[in-house]
Protein backbone atom coordinates (compact mmCIF):
# COMPACT_ATOMS: atom_id res chain seq x y z
CA UNK A 1 0.05 0.04 -0.03
CA UNK A 2 2.99 2.36 0.63
CA UNK A 3 4.50 1.60 -2.66
CA UNK A 4 1.14 2.62 -4.19
CA UNK A 5 0.87 5.72 -2.31
CA UNK A 6 4.32 6.91 -3.45
CA UNK A 7 4.17 5.73 -7.03
CA UNK A 8 1.81 8.61 -8.16
CA UNK A 9 1.60 7.73 -11.73
CA UNK A 10 1.06 4.25 -11.02
CA UNK A 11 3.69 3.09 -13.75
CA UNK A 12 5.26 0.55 -11.27
CA UNK A 13 8.37 2.70 -10.72
CA UNK A 14 9.04 5.44 -8.10
CA UNK A 15 10.59 8.30 -9.72
CA UNK A 16 11.87 11.78 -8.62
CA UNK A 17 8.33 13.22 -9.53
CA UNK A 18 6.58 10.79 -7.64
CA UNK A 19 8.70 11.55 -4.65
CA UNK A 20 8.27 15.29 -5.02
CA UNK A 21 4.48 14.73 -5.38
CA UNK A 22 4.29 12.44 -2.25
CA UNK A 23 6.32 15.07 -0.23
CA UNK A 24 4.03 17.88 -1.53
CA UNK A 25 0.83 16.05 -0.25
CA UNK A 26 2.54 15.52 3.07
CA UNK A 27 2.77 19.25 3.47
CA UNK A 28 6.60 19.51 2.60
CA UNK A 29 6.86 21.20 -0.87
CA UNK A 30 10.45 22.36 -0.31
CA UNK A 31 12.35 19.11 -0.83
CA UNK A 32 15.56 19.65 -2.69
CA UNK A 33 16.38 18.06 -6.03
CA UNK A 34 19.72 16.68 -4.30
CA UNK A 35 17.72 14.96 -1.49
CA UNK A 36 15.24 13.31 -3.84
CA UNK A 37 18.41 12.08 -5.84
CA UNK A 38 19.88 10.77 -2.80
CA UNK A 39 16.71 8.77 -1.94
CA UNK A 40 16.61 7.26 -5.62
CA UNK A 41 20.25 6.38 -5.42
CA UNK A 42 19.59 4.03 -2.51
CA UNK A 43 17.66 1.89 -5.10
CA UNK A 44 20.85 1.33 -7.21
CA UNK A 45 18.54 1.41 -10.30
CA UNK A 46 14.79 1.74 -10.88
CA UNK A 47 12.72 1.58 -7.70
CA UNK A 48 10.01 -1.15 -8.56
CA UNK A 49 8.01 -2.85 -5.99
CA UNK A 50 10.78 -5.57 -5.19
CA UNK A 51 13.44 -3.02 -4.70
CA UNK A 52 11.08 -0.98 -2.55
CA UNK A 53 10.47 -3.95 -0.33
CA UNK A 54 14.37 -4.55 -0.02
CA UNK A 55 15.00 -1.02 0.86
CA UNK A 56 12.10 -1.15 3.21
CA UNK A 57 13.45 -4.22 4.93
CA UNK A 58 16.98 -2.47 5.28
CA UNK A 59 15.47 0.37 6.92
CA UNK A 60 13.92 -1.53 9.89
CA UNK A 61 16.70 -1.18 12.13
CA UNK A 62 16.62 -2.71 15.71
CA UNK A 63 13.99 -5.43 14.81
CA UNK A 64 14.16 -8.69 13.29
CA UNK A 65 12.13 -8.23 10.06
CA UNK A 66 12.99 -11.61 8.65
CA UNK A 67 11.56 -13.16 11.65
CA UNK A 68 8.32 -11.17 11.41
CA UNK A 69 7.74 -11.81 7.87
CA UNK A 70 8.40 -15.64 8.42
CA UNK A 71 5.82 -15.72 11.04
CA UNK A 72 3.48 -13.91 8.92
CA UNK A 73 3.83 -16.58 6.21
CA UNK A 74 3.57 -19.44 8.87
CA UNK A 75 0.05 -18.26 9.32
CA UNK A 76 -0.63 -19.66 5.69
CA UNK A 77 1.19 -23.03 6.44
CA UNK A 78 -0.47 -24.73 9.24
CA UNK A 79 1.15 -28.05 8.40
CA UNK A 80 4.53 -26.51 8.72
CA UNK A 81 5.73 -27.54 5.31
CA UNK A 82 7.90 -24.38 4.68
CA UNK A 83 5.69 -23.67 1.44
CA UNK A 84 2.45 -22.09 0.56
CA UNK A 85 0.68 -22.61 -2.90
CA UNK A 86 1.39 -19.92 -5.41
CA UNK A 87 -2.24 -19.90 -6.77
CA UNK A 88 -3.61 -19.71 -3.28
CA UNK A 89 -1.31 -16.98 -2.17
CA UNK A 90 -2.09 -14.90 -5.49
CA UNK A 91 -5.67 -14.89 -4.67
CA UNK A 92 -5.02 -13.83 -1.13
CA UNK A 93 -2.69 -11.03 -2.35
CA UNK A 94 -5.41 -9.78 -4.86
CA UNK A 95 -8.53 -9.96 -2.68
CA UNK A 96 -7.54 -9.48 1.05
CA UNK A 97 -6.67 -6.64 3.32
CA UNK A 98 -4.19 -4.23 1.38
CA UNK A 99 -5.03 -5.84 -1.81
CA UNK A 100 -2.08 -5.96 -4.46
CA UNK A 101 -2.55 -4.89 -8.07
CA UNK A 102 -2.00 -7.55 -10.76
CA UNK A 103 1.21 -5.78 -11.49
CA UNK A 104 2.27 -5.80 -8.04
CA UNK A 105 1.82 -9.63 -7.83
CA UNK A 106 3.66 -10.05 -11.09
CA UNK A 107 6.63 -8.14 -9.66
CA UNK A 108 6.46 -10.00 -6.39
CA UNK A 109 6.40 -13.46 -8.19
CA UNK A 110 9.32 -12.39 -10.56
CA UNK A 111 11.67 -13.12 -7.59
CA UNK A 112 9.76 -15.73 -5.67
CA UNK A 113 11.12 -19.15 -5.47
CA UNK A 114 8.47 -21.58 -6.81
CA UNK A 115 8.85 -25.31 -7.12
CA UNK A 116 7.57 -27.81 -9.74
CA UNK A 117 4.54 -28.26 -7.86
CA UNK A 118 3.56 -24.53 -7.68
CA UNK A 119 4.45 -24.08 -4.18
CA UNK A 120 6.38 -20.91 -2.83
CA UNK A 121 9.39 -21.50 -0.50
CA UNK A 122 8.33 -18.77 1.71
CA UNK A 123 11.65 -18.94 3.72
CA UNK A 124 13.52 -18.18 0.79
CA UNK A 125 11.19 -15.31 -0.26
CA UNK A 126 11.49 -13.78 3.23
CA UNK A 127 15.33 -13.95 2.70
CA UNK A 128 14.65 -12.18 -0.71
CA UNK A 129 12.52 -9.41 0.97
CA UNK A 130 14.85 -8.68 3.53
CA UNK A 131 18.44 -9.17 1.92
CA UNK A 132 17.62 -8.57 -1.72
CA UNK A 133 17.52 -10.77 -4.81
CA UNK A 134 20.77 -11.93 -6.19
CA UNK A 135 19.76 -11.30 -9.73
CA UNK A 136 19.39 -7.57 -8.96
């Protein structure tokens, strides 16, 4: 939901214009171009949803975000298999609580480890969310 609020033009990437507009809506209209550039540099490239999650995870100091995320996934794995079905998880992302857009779901699944049976290894996904994807 935070990503959607910042991605003002809904193109799937947070740009300087998106950041500037977000700050403006929050009542801070005098953000310098240099501050905005520094924020964007943290992404080391275009800030899409996956990069945003990684940056967010890095900013959670003093907590154990991986453990928290892992515990959230365990709610969908009552048998304790370490996996959840991709199709069921996609349906939840699209229909429950802070709903994902189809684009956000696709961005998430682009870095999600899925086995041949269509199950997500959520422990590996938690690692990607908190430490980044090796491909990026």
